[in-house]
């Protein structure tokens, strides 16, 4: 039986690098080939977010639809690249990125619960325990981002 050369194995380990961004796919063409678009979840100066269903898996996703004409493409691709490298329970996970003639589409997990500001406005106040849980989640996400040399704008 042939003995394995540990130096060769170590060099191969260094060549194989798998991270979260390896699994975020970039596709050109119509997103409606893969997704059935649903109702809008929200909109703003960035564009519109819609609920969608993946046709093959029946999974629900949020899709951010952004007009190309209103974007600096270089900055936009940088933002997608940064988002695709993040994997944290308190940071929205992106799965795919589409590009057609008029729009960019960022496919992400659906984050239920709405905006924190809206919840604060509706409730008026939180218990100390609830406030501490929310702050822990926020600070955990910020810390994770900073450790990965990313600053939230």
Protein backbone atom coordinates (compact mmCIF):
# COMPACT_ATOMS: atom_id res chain seq x y z
CA UNK A 1 0.00 0.00 0.00
CA UNK A 2 1.30 3.47 -0.93
CA UNK A 3 1.99 5.92 1.89
CA UNK A 4 0.34 9.37 1.59
CA UNK A 5 2.65 12.38 1.38
CA UNK A 6 1.37 14.84 4.03
CA UNK A 7 3.00 17.82 2.25
CA UNK A 8 0.93 17.16 -0.86
CA UNK A 9 -2.23 16.87 1.23
CA UNK A 10 -1.48 20.15 3.04
CA UNK A 11 -0.91 21.99 -0.24
CA UNK A 12 -4.22 20.68 -1.57
CA UNK A 13 -6.01 21.89 1.57
CA UNK A 14 -4.72 25.39 0.94
CA UNK A 15 -6.02 25.35 -2.63
CA UNK A 16 -9.56 24.35 -1.71
CA UNK A 17 -11.40 27.31 -0.20
CA UNK A 18 -15.12 27.13 0.31
CA UNK A 19 -17.09 29.98 1.79
CA UNK A 20 -20.68 31.22 1.75
CA UNK A 21 -20.15 33.30 -1.39
CA UNK A 22 -19.27 30.09 -3.28
CA UNK A 23 -22.94 29.15 -3.05
CA UNK A 24 -24.51 32.46 -4.17
CA UNK A 25 -25.19 32.08 -7.88
CA UNK A 26 -25.20 34.87 -10.45
CA UNK A 27 -27.60 34.44 -13.35
CA UNK A 28 -28.31 36.54 -16.42
CA UNK A 29 -31.80 36.55 -17.87
CA UNK A 30 -35.38 36.52 -16.71
CA UNK A 31 -35.92 35.70 -13.05
CA UNK A 32 -39.46 34.52 -13.86
CA UNK A 33 -37.99 31.35 -15.38
CA UNK A 34 -37.12 30.23 -11.83
CA UNK A 35 -39.52 32.21 -9.61
CA UNK A 36 -43.21 33.06 -9.45
CA UNK A 37 -43.44 36.65 -8.29
CA UNK A 38 -45.94 37.48 -5.56
CA UNK A 39 -47.16 40.58 -3.80
CA UNK A 40 -44.87 43.49 -2.87
CA UNK A 41 -43.56 43.41 0.71
CA UNK A 42 -42.23 46.96 0.67
CA UNK A 43 -40.62 49.67 -1.39
CA UNK A 44 -38.25 52.57 -1.02
CA UNK A 45 -35.69 54.63 -2.89
CA UNK A 46 -33.73 51.40 -3.63
CA UNK A 47 -36.61 49.68 -5.43
CA UNK A 48 -39.24 47.13 -4.42
CA UNK A 49 -39.11 43.91 -2.41
CA UNK A 50 -41.54 41.18 -3.45
CA UNK A 51 -42.37 37.76 -2.07
CA UNK A 52 -41.67 34.99 -4.57
CA UNK A 53 -41.82 31.21 -4.79
CA UNK A 54 -39.04 29.13 -6.30
CA UNK A 55 -40.68 26.98 -8.99
CA UNK A 56 -38.64 23.80 -8.41
CA UNK A 57 -38.47 23.76 -4.60
CA UNK A 58 -41.63 25.73 -3.68
CA UNK A 59 -39.53 27.74 -1.18
CA UNK A 60 -40.58 31.30 -0.34
CA UNK A 61 -37.96 34.01 -0.94
CA UNK A 62 -37.79 37.78 -0.83
CA UNK A 63 -36.66 39.40 -4.06
CA UNK A 64 -35.29 42.92 -4.13
CA UNK A 65 -35.94 44.46 -7.57
CA UNK A 66 -33.65 47.37 -8.45
CA UNK A 67 -33.73 49.45 -11.64
CA UNK A 68 -30.35 49.42 -13.38
CA UNK A 69 -30.80 53.01 -14.57
CA UNK A 70 -30.76 54.22 -10.94
CA UNK A 71 -27.62 52.33 -9.84
CA UNK A 72 -23.87 52.72 -10.00
CA UNK A 73 -23.21 49.17 -11.23
CA UNK A 74 -19.70 48.94 -9.74
CA UNK A 75 -20.92 49.90 -6.26
CA UNK A 76 -23.91 47.61 -6.63
CA UNK A 77 -21.79 44.56 -7.52
CA UNK A 78 -19.52 45.35 -4.57
CA UNK A 79 -22.52 45.41 -2.23
CA UNK A 80 -23.76 42.06 -3.56
CA UNK A 81 -20.26 40.61 -3.16
CA UNK A 82 -20.12 41.77 0.46
CA UNK A 83 -23.62 40.44 1.24
CA UNK A 84 -22.80 37.09 -0.34
CA UNK A 85 -19.87 36.61 2.06
CA UNK A 86 -21.93 37.06 5.22
CA UNK A 87 -23.40 34.14 7.12
CA UNK A 88 -24.88 35.08 10.50
CA UNK A 89 -28.25 34.29 12.11
CA UNK A 90 -29.07 38.01 12.48
CA UNK A 91 -28.04 39.10 8.97
CA UNK A 92 -30.27 38.49 5.97
CA UNK A 93 -28.86 35.67 3.83
CA UNK A 94 -28.77 36.10 0.05
CA UNK A 95 -29.08 33.08 -2.23
CA UNK A 96 -28.99 34.29 -5.82
CA UNK A 97 -28.44 37.37 -7.92
CA UNK A 98 -30.09 37.97 -11.29
CA UNK A 99 -29.38 40.52 -13.98
CA UNK A 100 -31.64 41.27 -16.96
CA UNK A 101 -31.86 44.17 -19.43
CA UNK A 102 -33.56 46.61 -17.02
CA UNK A 103 -33.22 45.29 -13.46
CA UNK A 104 -31.02 43.65 -10.86
CA UNK A 105 -32.65 41.09 -8.54
CA UNK A 106 -31.29 40.00 -5.18
CA UNK A 107 -32.90 36.77 -3.93
CA UNK A 108 -32.79 36.42 -0.15
CA UNK A 109 -34.44 34.74 2.78
CA UNK A 110 -37.78 36.15 3.88
CA UNK A 111 -37.42 38.09 7.12
CA UNK A 112 -40.79 38.30 8.85
CA UNK A 113 -41.64 40.76 11.57
CA UNK A 114 -41.28 44.06 9.80
CA UNK A 115 -39.07 47.00 10.67
CA UNK A 116 -37.78 47.43 14.22
CA UNK A 117 -38.68 51.14 14.11
CA UNK A 118 -42.31 50.26 13.30
CA UNK A 119 -42.44 47.80 16.21
CA UNK A 120 -41.06 50.44 18.59
CA UNK A 121 -43.60 52.98 17.31
CA UNK A 122 -46.51 50.55 17.68
CA UNK A 123 -45.59 49.20 21.13
CA UNK A 124 -44.35 52.46 22.59
CA UNK A 125 -42.00 50.61 24.94
CA UNK A 126 -40.40 47.22 25.47
CA UNK A 127 -39.63 45.31 28.62
CA UNK A 128 -35.99 45.40 29.65
CA UNK A 129 -35.67 41.71 28.75
CA UNK A 130 -37.12 42.20 25.23
CA UNK A 131 -34.95 45.28 24.64
CA UNK A 132 -31.83 43.41 25.79
CA UNK A 133 -32.59 40.51 23.40
CA UNK A 134 -32.99 42.91 20.47
CA UNK A 135 -29.78 44.76 21.36
CA UNK A 136 -27.89 41.46 21.67
CA UNK A 137 -28.97 40.48 18.15
CA UNK A 138 -28.03 43.89 16.70
CA UNK A 139 -24.65 44.01 18.44
CA UNK A 140 -23.89 40.41 17.48
CA UNK A 141 -24.51 41.21 13.79
CA UNK A 142 -22.45 44.42 13.97
CA UNK A 143 -19.59 42.64 15.72
CA UNK A 144 -19.62 39.83 13.13
CA UNK A 145 -19.54 42.42 10.33
CA UNK A 146 -16.66 44.33 11.91
CA UNK A 147 -14.62 41.16 12.47
CA UNK A 148 -15.06 40.55 8.72
CA UNK A 149 -13.90 44.11 7.89
CA UNK A 150 -17.39 45.29 6.92
CA UNK A 151 -18.92 48.48 8.25
CA UNK A 152 -22.68 49.02 8.02
CA UNK A 153 -23.54 52.29 6.36
